PDB file of all heavy atoms in Angstrom:
ATOM      1  N   GLY A   1     -32.558 101.984  53.213  1.00  0.00           N
ATOM      2  CA  GLY A   1     -33.296 101.841  54.465  1.00  0.00           C
ATOM      3  C   GLY A   1     -32.770 100.706  55.318  1.00  0.00           C
ATOM      4  O   GLY A   1     -32.608 100.848  56.535  1.00  0.00           O
ATOM      5  N   GLY A   2     -32.490  99.567  54.678  1.00  0.00           N
ATOM      6  CA  GLY A   2     -31.961  98.426  55.422  1.00  0.00           C
ATOM      7  C   GLY A   2     -30.580  98.709  55.991  1.00  0.00           C
ATOM      8  O   GLY A   2     -30.281  98.373  57.147  1.00  0.00           O
ATOM      9  N   TYR A   3     -29.709  99.345  55.171  1.00  0.00           N
ATOM     10  CA  TYR A   3     -28.350  99.667  55.632  1.00  0.00           C
ATOM     11  C   TYR A   3     -28.390 100.680  56.773  1.00  0.00           C
ATOM     12  O   TYR A   3     -27.685 100.535  57.777  1.00  0.00           O
ATOM     13  CB  TYR A   3     -27.531 100.221  54.468  1.00  0.00           C
ATOM     14  CG  TYR A   3     -26.207 100.821  54.889  1.00  0.00           C
ATOM     15  CD1 TYR A   3     -25.116 100.008  55.204  1.00  0.00           C
ATOM     16  CD2 TYR A   3     -26.051 102.209  55.006  1.00  0.00           C
ATOM     17  CE1 TYR A   3     -23.909 100.559  55.610  1.00  0.00           C
ATOM     18  CE2 TYR A   3     -24.848 102.765  55.412  1.00  0.00           C
ATOM     19  CZ  TYR A   3     -23.779 101.940  55.711  1.00  0.00           C
ATOM     20  OH  TYR A   3     -22.600 102.480  56.121  1.00  0.00           O
ATOM     21  N   TRP A   4     -29.228 101.726  56.598  1.00  0.00           N
ATOM     22  CA  TRP A   4     -29.325 102.758  57.631  1.00  0.00           C
ATOM     23  C   TRP A   4     -29.780 102.168  58.957  1.00  0.00           C
ATOM     24  O   TRP A   4     -29.238 102.494  60.027  1.00  0.00           O
ATOM     25  CB  TRP A   4     -30.293 103.848  57.171  1.00  0.00           C
ATOM     26  CG  TRP A   4     -30.530 104.923  58.179  1.00  0.00           C
ATOM     27  CD1 TRP A   4     -29.738 105.994  58.454  1.00  0.00           C
ATOM     28  CD2 TRP A   4     -31.657 105.031  59.070  1.00  0.00           C
ATOM     29  NE1 TRP A   4     -30.287 106.767  59.452  1.00  0.00           N
ATOM     30  CE2 TRP A   4     -31.471 106.201  59.846  1.00  0.00           C
ATOM     31  CE3 TRP A   4     -32.797 104.262  59.268  1.00  0.00           C
ATOM     32  CZ2 TRP A   4     -32.377 106.607  60.807  1.00  0.00           C
ATOM     33  CZ3 TRP A   4     -33.707 104.674  60.234  1.00  0.00           C
ATOM     34  CH2 TRP A   4     -33.496 105.823  60.987  1.00  0.00           C
ATOM     35  N   GLN A   5     -30.759 101.273  58.909  1.00  0.00           N
ATOM     36  CA  GLN A   5     -31.274 100.694  60.154  1.00  0.00           C
ATOM     37  C   GLN A   5     -30.252  99.744  60.772  1.00  0.00           C
ATOM     38  O   GLN A   5     -30.094  99.711  62.001  1.00  0.00           O
ATOM     39  CB  GLN A   5     -32.580  99.959  59.891  1.00  0.00           C
ATOM     40  CG  GLN A   5     -33.258  99.464  61.158  1.00  0.00           C
ATOM     41  CD  GLN A   5     -33.575 100.590  62.123  1.00  0.00           C
ATOM     42  OE1 GLN A   5     -34.300 101.518  61.798  1.00  0.00           O
ATOM     43  NE2 GLN A   5     -33.021 100.530  63.324  1.00  0.00           N
ATOM     44  N   MET A   6     -29.559  98.977  59.952  1.00  0.00           N
ATOM     45  CA  MET A   6     -28.538  98.075  60.481  1.00  0.00           C
ATOM     46  C   MET A   6     -27.434  98.866  61.179  1.00  0.00           C
ATOM     47  O   MET A   6     -26.984  98.501  62.280  1.00  0.00           O
ATOM     48  CB  MET A   6     -27.950  97.227  59.348  1.00  0.00           C
ATOM     49  CG  MET A   6     -26.978  96.153  59.808  1.00  0.00           C
ATOM     50  SD  MET A   6     -26.324  95.214  58.403  1.00  0.00           S
ATOM     51  CE  MET A   6     -27.843  94.517  57.747  1.00  0.00           C
ATOM     52  N   LYS A   7     -27.006  99.951  60.546  1.00  0.00           N
ATOM     53  CA  LYS A   7     -25.973 100.808  61.153  1.00  0.00           C
ATOM     54  C   LYS A   7     -26.485 101.407  62.461  1.00  0.00           C
ATOM     55  O   LYS A   7     -25.743 101.481  63.455  1.00  0.00           O
ATOM     56  CB  LYS A   7     -25.590 101.910  60.165  1.00  0.00           C
ATOM     57  CG  LYS A   7     -24.583 102.919  60.678  1.00  0.00           C
ATOM     58  CD  LYS A   7     -24.228 103.890  59.584  1.00  0.00           C
ATOM     59  CE  LYS A   7     -23.278 104.990  60.086  1.00  0.00           C
ATOM     60  NZ  LYS A   7     -23.936 105.909  61.030  1.00  0.00           N
ATOM     61  N   ARG A   8     -27.729 101.828  62.466  1.00  0.00           N
ATOM     62  CA  ARG A   8     -28.330 102.417  63.672  1.00  0.00           C
ATOM     63  C   ARG A   8     -28.384 101.394  64.805  1.00  0.00           C
ATOM     64  O   ARG A   8     -28.127 101.729  65.973  1.00  0.00           O
ATOM     65  CB  ARG A   8     -29.724 102.920  63.323  1.00  0.00           C
ATOM     66  CG  ARG A   8     -30.427 103.758  64.381  1.00  0.00           C
ATOM     67  CD  ARG A   8     -31.704 104.298  63.785  1.00  0.00           C
ATOM     68  NE  ARG A   8     -32.539 104.961  64.756  1.00  0.00           N
ATOM     69  CZ  ARG A   8     -32.402 106.234  65.132  1.00  0.00           C
ATOM     70  NH1 ARG A   8     -31.426 106.956  64.616  1.00  0.00           N
ATOM     71  NH2 ARG A   8     -33.226 106.784  66.006  1.00  0.00           N
ATOM     72  N   ASN A   9     -28.718 100.150  64.472  1.00  0.00           N
ATOM     73  CA  ASN A   9     -28.776  99.100  65.490  1.00  0.00           C
ATOM     74  C   ASN A   9     -27.395  98.846  66.091  1.00  0.00           C
ATOM     75  O   ASN A   9     -27.249  98.636  67.299  1.00  0.00           O
ATOM     76  CB  ASN A   9     -29.309  97.805  64.888  1.00  0.00           C
ATOM     77  CG  ASN A   9     -30.787  97.888  64.530  1.00  0.00           C
ATOM     78  OD1 ASN A   9     -31.462  98.865  64.832  1.00  0.00           O
ATOM     79  ND2 ASN A   9     -31.291  96.867  63.870  1.00  0.00           N
ATOM     80  N   ILE A  10     -26.369  98.831  65.224  1.00  0.00           N
ATOM     81  CA  ILE A  10     -25.017  98.499  65.683  1.00  0.00           C
ATOM     82  C   ILE A  10     -24.416  99.617  66.526  1.00  0.00           C
ATOM     83  O   ILE A  10     -23.819  99.382  67.587  1.00  0.00           O
ATOM     84  CB  ILE A  10     -24.118  98.183  64.473  1.00  0.00           C
ATOM     85  CG1 ILE A  10     -24.581  96.895  63.784  1.00  0.00           C
ATOM     86  CG2 ILE A  10     -22.656  98.037  64.911  1.00  0.00           C
ATOM     87  CD1 ILE A  10     -23.875  96.600  62.478  1.00  0.00           C
ATOM     88  N   THR A  11     -24.567 100.854  66.067  1.00  0.00           N
ATOM     89  CA  THR A  11     -23.943 101.978  66.763  1.00  0.00           C
ATOM     90  C   THR A  11     -24.712 102.427  67.998  1.00  0.00           C
ATOM     91  O   THR A  11     -24.148 103.068  68.890  1.00  0.00           O
ATOM     92  CB  THR A  11     -23.806 103.179  65.813  1.00  0.00           C
ATOM     93  OG1 THR A  11     -25.114 103.589  65.358  1.00  0.00           O
ATOM     94  CG2 THR A  11     -22.946 102.817  64.601  1.00  0.00           C
ATOM     95  N   GLY A  12     -26.010 102.104  68.054  1.00  0.00           N
ATOM     96  CA  GLY A  12     -26.815 102.516  69.207  1.00  0.00           C
ATOM     97  C   GLY A  12     -27.119 103.995  69.219  1.00  0.00           C
ATOM     98  O   GLY A  12     -27.432 104.569  70.278  1.00  0.00           O
ATOM     99  N   GLU A  13     -27.069 104.658  68.046  1.00  0.00           N
ATOM    100  CA  GLU A  13     -27.287 106.102  68.000  1.00  0.00           C
ATOM    101  C   GLU A  13     -28.726 106.497  68.322  1.00  0.00           C
ATOM    102  O   GLU A  13     -29.003 107.662  68.593  1.00  0.00           O
ATOM    103  CB  GLU A  13     -26.893 106.656  66.628  1.00  0.00           C
ATOM    104  CG  GLU A  13     -27.714 106.104  65.482  1.00  0.00           C
ATOM    105  CD  GLU A  13     -27.186 106.570  64.135  1.00  0.00           C
ATOM    106  OE1 GLU A  13     -26.063 106.193  63.780  1.00  0.00           O
ATOM    107  OE2 GLU A  13     -27.917 107.298  63.450  1.00  0.00           O
ATOM    108  N   GLY A  14     -29.634 105.525  68.297  1.00  0.00           N
ATOM    109  CA  GLY A  14     -31.017 105.830  68.645  1.00  0.00           C
ATOM    110  C   GLY A  14     -31.381 105.444  70.070  1.00  0.00           C
ATOM    111  O   GLY A  14     -32.558 105.434  70.432  1.00  0.00           O
ATOM    112  N   ASP A  15     -30.377 105.134  70.892  1.00  0.00           N
ATOM    113  CA  ASP A  15     -30.627 104.668  72.255  1.00  0.00           C
ATOM    114  C   ASP A  15     -30.928 105.823  73.215  1.00  0.00           C
ATOM    115  O   ASP A  15     -30.396 106.927  73.075  1.00  0.00           O
ATOM    116  CB  ASP A  15     -29.414 103.911  72.793  1.00  0.00           C
ATOM    117  CG  ASP A  15     -29.106 102.651  72.013  1.00  0.00           C
ATOM    118  OD1 ASP A  15     -29.908 102.296  71.129  1.00  0.00           O
ATOM    119  OD2 ASP A  15     -28.047 102.042  72.267  1.00  0.00           O
ATOM    120  N   LEU A  16     -31.775 105.537  74.193  1.00  0.00           N
ATOM    121  CA  LEU A  16     -31.917 106.387  75.370  1.00  0.00           C
ATOM    122  C   LEU A  16     -30.971 105.812  76.417  1.00  0.00           C
ATOM    123  O   LEU A  16     -31.102 104.641  76.788  1.00  0.00           O
ATOM    124  CB  LEU A  16     -33.358 106.380  75.877  1.00  0.00           C
ATOM    125  CG  LEU A  16     -33.623 107.164  77.157  1.00  0.00           C
ATOM    126  CD1 LEU A  16     -33.462 108.664  76.919  1.00  0.00           C
ATOM    127  CD2 LEU A  16     -35.019 106.863  77.702  1.00  0.00           C
ATOM    128  N   VAL A  17     -30.011 106.623  76.886  1.00  0.00           N
ATOM    129  CA  VAL A  17     -28.921 106.096  77.711  1.00  0.00           C
ATOM    130  C   VAL A  17     -28.934 106.722  79.099  1.00  0.00           C
ATOM    131  O   VAL A  17     -28.968 107.957  79.226  1.00  0.00           O
ATOM    132  CB  VAL A  17     -27.549 106.353  77.042  1.00  0.00           C
ATOM    133  CG1 VAL A  17     -26.427 105.742  77.887  1.00  0.00           C
ATOM    134  CG2 VAL A  17     -27.530 105.781  75.630  1.00  0.00           C
ATOM    135  N   LEU A  18     -28.902 105.875  80.122  1.00  0.00           N
ATOM    136  CA  LEU A  18     -28.665 106.315  81.494  1.00  0.00           C
ATOM    137  C   LEU A  18     -27.192 106.053  81.794  1.00  0.00           C
ATOM    138  O   LEU A  18     -26.773 104.897  81.929  1.00  0.00           O
ATOM    139  CB  LEU A  18     -29.529 105.539  82.488  1.00  0.00           C
ATOM    140  CG  LEU A  18     -30.914 106.105  82.800  1.00  0.00           C
ATOM    141  CD1 LEU A  18     -31.822 105.921  81.585  1.00  0.00           C
ATOM    142  CD2 LEU A  18     -31.514 105.403  84.004  1.00  0.00           C
ATOM    143  N   ASP A  19     -26.416 107.121  81.826  1.00  0.00           N
ATOM    144  CA  ASP A  19     -24.974 107.017  82.069  1.00  0.00           C
ATOM    145  C   ASP A  19     -24.702 107.389  83.514  1.00  0.00           C
ATOM    146  O   ASP A  19     -24.611 108.559  83.881  1.00  0.00           O
ATOM    147  CB  ASP A  19     -24.233 107.951  81.111  1.00  0.00           C
ATOM    148  CG  ASP A  19     -22.715 107.804  81.217  1.00  0.00           C
ATOM    149  OD1 ASP A  19     -22.240 107.150  82.174  1.00  0.00           O
ATOM    150  OD2 ASP A  19     -22.015 108.350  80.349  1.00  0.00           O
ATOM    151  N   ARG A  20     -24.555 106.373  84.348  1.00  0.00           N
ATOM    152  CA  ARG A  20     -24.377 106.615  85.781  1.00  0.00           C
ATOM    153  C   ARG A  20     -22.966 107.072  86.117  1.00  0.00           C
ATOM    154  O   ARG A  20     -22.745 107.710  87.143  1.00  0.00           O
ATOM    155  CB  ARG A  20     -24.732 105.352  86.565  1.00  0.00           C
ATOM    156  CG  ARG A  20     -26.216 104.989  86.464  1.00  0.00           C
ATOM    157  CD  ARG A  20     -26.522 103.687  87.185  1.00  0.00           C
ATOM    158  NE  ARG A  20     -27.950 103.409  87.167  1.00  0.00           N
ATOM    159  CZ  ARG A  20     -28.587 102.843  86.155  1.00  0.00           C
ATOM    160  NH1 ARG A  20     -27.899 102.501  85.082  1.00  0.00           N
ATOM    161  NH2 ARG A  20     -29.884 102.623  86.214  1.00  0.00           N
ATOM    162  N   THR A  21     -22.010 106.746  85.271  1.00  0.00           N
ATOM    163  CA  THR A  21     -20.637 107.178  85.515  1.00  0.00           C
ATOM    164  C   THR A  21     -20.526 108.696  85.425  1.00  0.00           C
ATOM    165  O   THR A  21     -19.905 109.351  86.272  1.00  0.00           O
ATOM    166  CB  THR A  21     -19.678 106.525  84.505  1.00  0.00           C
ATOM    167  OG1 THR A  21     -19.763 105.110  84.619  1.00  0.00           O
ATOM    168  CG2 THR A  21     -18.243 106.971  84.762  1.00  0.00           C
ATOM    169  N   ASN A  22     -21.110 109.266  84.370  1.00  0.00           N
ATOM    170  CA  ASN A  22     -21.046 110.716  84.151  1.00  0.00           C
ATOM    171  C   ASN A  22     -22.297 111.451  84.637  1.00  0.00           C
ATOM    172  O   ASN A  22     -22.447 112.646  84.392  1.00  0.00           O
ATOM    173  CB  ASN A  22     -20.835 111.000  82.663  1.00  0.00           C
ATOM    174  CG  ASN A  22     -19.522 110.446  82.158  1.00  0.00           C
ATOM    175  OD1 ASN A  22     -18.465 110.762  82.689  1.00  0.00           O
ATOM    176  ND2 ASN A  22     -19.581 109.602  81.132  1.00  0.00           N
ATOM    177  N   MET A  23     -23.184 110.703  85.296  1.00  0.00           N
ATOM    178  CA  MET A  23     -24.406 111.277  85.849  1.00  0.00           C
ATOM    179  C   MET A  23     -25.222 112.023  84.789  1.00  0.00           C
ATOM    180  O   MET A  23     -25.645 113.154  84.968  1.00  0.00           O
ATOM    181  CB  MET A  23     -24.074 112.235  87.000  1.00  0.00           C
ATOM    182  CG  MET A  23     -23.287 111.611  88.111  1.00  0.00           C
ATOM    183  SD  MET A  23     -24.328 110.614  89.186  1.00  0.00           S
ATOM    184  CE  MET A  23     -25.204 111.883  90.059  1.00  0.00           C
ATOM    185  N   LYS A  24     -25.455 111.360  83.632  1.00  0.00           N
ATOM    186  CA  LYS A  24     -26.163 111.985  82.528  1.00  0.00           C
ATOM    187  C   LYS A  24     -27.278 111.082  82.009  1.00  0.00           C
ATOM    188  O   LYS A  24     -27.189 109.856  82.071  1.00  0.00           O
ATOM    189  CB  LYS A  24     -25.199 112.303  81.375  1.00  0.00           C
ATOM    190  CG  LYS A  24     -24.218 113.425  81.673  1.00  0.00           C
ATOM    191  CD  LYS A  24     -23.341 113.716  80.462  1.00  0.00           C
ATOM    192  CE  LYS A  24     -22.399 114.885  80.740  1.00  0.00           C
ATOM    193  NZ  LYS A  24     -21.537 115.185  79.555  1.00  0.00           N
ATOM    194  N   LEU A  25     -28.310 111.733  81.487  1.00  0.00           N
ATOM    195  CA  LEU A  25     -29.340 111.049  80.717  1.00  0.00           C
ATOM    196  C   LEU A  25     -29.175 111.547  79.283  1.00  0.00           C
ATOM    197  O   LEU A  25     -29.254 112.742  79.014  1.00  0.00           O
ATOM    198  CB  LEU A  25     -30.738 111.383  81.241  1.00  0.00           C
ATOM    199  CG  LEU A  25     -31.908 110.695  80.523  1.00  0.00           C
ATOM    200  CD1 LEU A  25     -31.824 109.182  80.646  1.00  0.00           C
ATOM    201  CD2 LEU A  25     -33.244 111.193  81.083  1.00  0.00           C
ATOM    202  N   ILE A  26     -28.931 110.620  78.347  1.00  0.00           N
ATOM    203  CA  ILE A  26     -28.623 110.971  76.967  1.00  0.00           C
ATOM    204  C   ILE A  26     -29.811 110.588  76.090  1.00  0.00           C
ATOM    205  O   ILE A  26     -30.191 109.419  76.016  1.00  0.00           O
ATOM    206  CB  ILE A  26     -27.349 110.250  76.484  1.00  0.00           C
ATOM    207  CG1 ILE A  26     -26.178 110.566  77.430  1.00  0.00           C
ATOM    208  CG2 ILE A  26     -27.008 110.654  75.057  1.00  0.00           C
ATOM    209  CD1 ILE A  26     -24.922 109.765  77.139  1.00  0.00           C
ATOM    210  N   PHE A  27     -30.387 111.590  75.424  1.00  0.00           N
ATOM    211  CA  PHE A  27     -31.557 111.387  74.581  1.00  0.00           C
ATOM    212  C   PHE A  27     -31.122 111.160  73.134  1.00  0.00           C
ATOM    213  O   PHE A  27     -30.175 111.797  72.658  1.00  0.00           O
ATOM    214  CB  PHE A  27     -32.488 112.602  74.644  1.00  0.00           C
ATOM    215  CG  PHE A  27     -33.020 112.890  76.014  1.00  0.00           C
ATOM    216  CD1 PHE A  27     -32.302 113.674  76.901  1.00  0.00           C
ATOM    217  CD2 PHE A  27     -34.236 112.366  76.422  1.00  0.00           C
ATOM    218  CE1 PHE A  27     -32.784 113.931  78.174  1.00  0.00           C
ATOM    219  CE2 PHE A  27     -34.734 112.627  77.684  1.00  0.00           C
ATOM    220  CZ  PHE A  27     -34.004 113.415  78.566  1.00  0.00           C
ATOM    221  N   PRO A  28     -31.822 110.296  72.409  1.00  0.00           N
ATOM    222  CA  PRO A  28     -31.463 110.059  71.000  1.00  0.00           C
ATOM    223  C   PRO A  28     -31.750 111.292  70.158  1.00  0.00           C
ATOM    224  O   PRO A  28     -32.589 112.125  70.521  1.00  0.00           O
ATOM    225  CB  PRO A  28     -32.362 108.888  70.598  1.00  0.00           C
ATOM    226  CG  PRO A  28     -33.511 108.926  71.542  1.00  0.00           C
ATOM    227  CD  PRO A  28     -32.960 109.467  72.831  1.00  0.00           C
ATOM    228  N   PRO A  29     -31.062 111.448  69.009  1.00  0.00           N
ATOM    229  CA  PRO A  29     -31.305 112.604  68.127  1.00  0.00           C
ATOM    230  C   PRO A  29     -32.758 112.645  67.679  1.00  0.00           C
ATOM    231  O   PRO A  29     -33.384 111.608  67.440  1.00  0.00           O
ATOM    232  CB  PRO A  29     -30.369 112.350  66.940  1.00  0.00           C
ATOM    233  CG  PRO A  29     -29.337 111.398  67.456  1.00  0.00           C
ATOM    234  CD  PRO A  29     -30.019 110.554  68.483  1.00  0.00           C
ATOM    235  N   VAL A  30     -33.300 113.844  67.556  1.00  0.00           N
ATOM    236  CA  VAL A  30     -34.691 113.993  67.126  1.00  0.00           C
ATOM    237  C   VAL A  30     -34.814 113.967  65.615  1.00  0.00           C
ATOM    238  O   VAL A  30     -35.911 113.839  65.071  1.00  0.00           O
ATOM    239  CB  VAL A  30     -35.292 115.308  67.662  1.00  0.00           C
ATOM    240  CG1 VAL A  30     -35.345 115.277  69.170  1.00  0.00           C
ATOM    241  CG2 VAL A  30     -34.479 116.512  67.192  1.00  0.00           C
ATOM    242  N   ALA A  31     -33.695 114.094  64.884  1.00  0.00           N
ATOM    243  CA  ALA A  31     -33.723 114.086  63.421  1.00  0.00           C
ATOM    244  C   ALA A  31     -32.532 113.316  62.896  1.00  0.00           C
ATOM    245  O   ALA A  31     -31.509 113.170  63.583  1.00  0.00           O
ATOM    246  CB  ALA A  31     -33.715 115.511  62.870  1.00  0.00           C
ATOM    247  N   MET A  32     -32.672 112.794  61.648  1.00  0.00           N
ATOM    248  CA  MET A  32     -31.589 112.064  61.028  1.00  0.00           C
ATOM    249  C   MET A  32     -30.362 112.972  60.911  1.00  0.00           C
ATOM    250  O   MET A  32     -30.434 114.078  60.402  1.00  0.00           O
ATOM    251  CB  MET A  32     -32.008 111.558  59.649  1.00  0.00           C
ATOM    252  CG  MET A  32     -30.960 110.686  58.967  1.00  0.00           C
ATOM    253  SD  MET A  32     -31.458 110.171  57.291  1.00  0.00           S
ATOM    254  CE  MET A  32     -32.908 109.196  57.679  1.00  0.00           C
TER     255      MET A  32
END
C-alpha cells in the first residue's frame, strides 16, 4: 500500500489534468 501510493504520487497517474496545449481534459483512471 505504501509503495503503490508513493508511486502514484510521483507519476501523477491519479491527477485530473487540464492540458491546454492539446485542448484536453484528462480524467484519472476509475480502477487500479
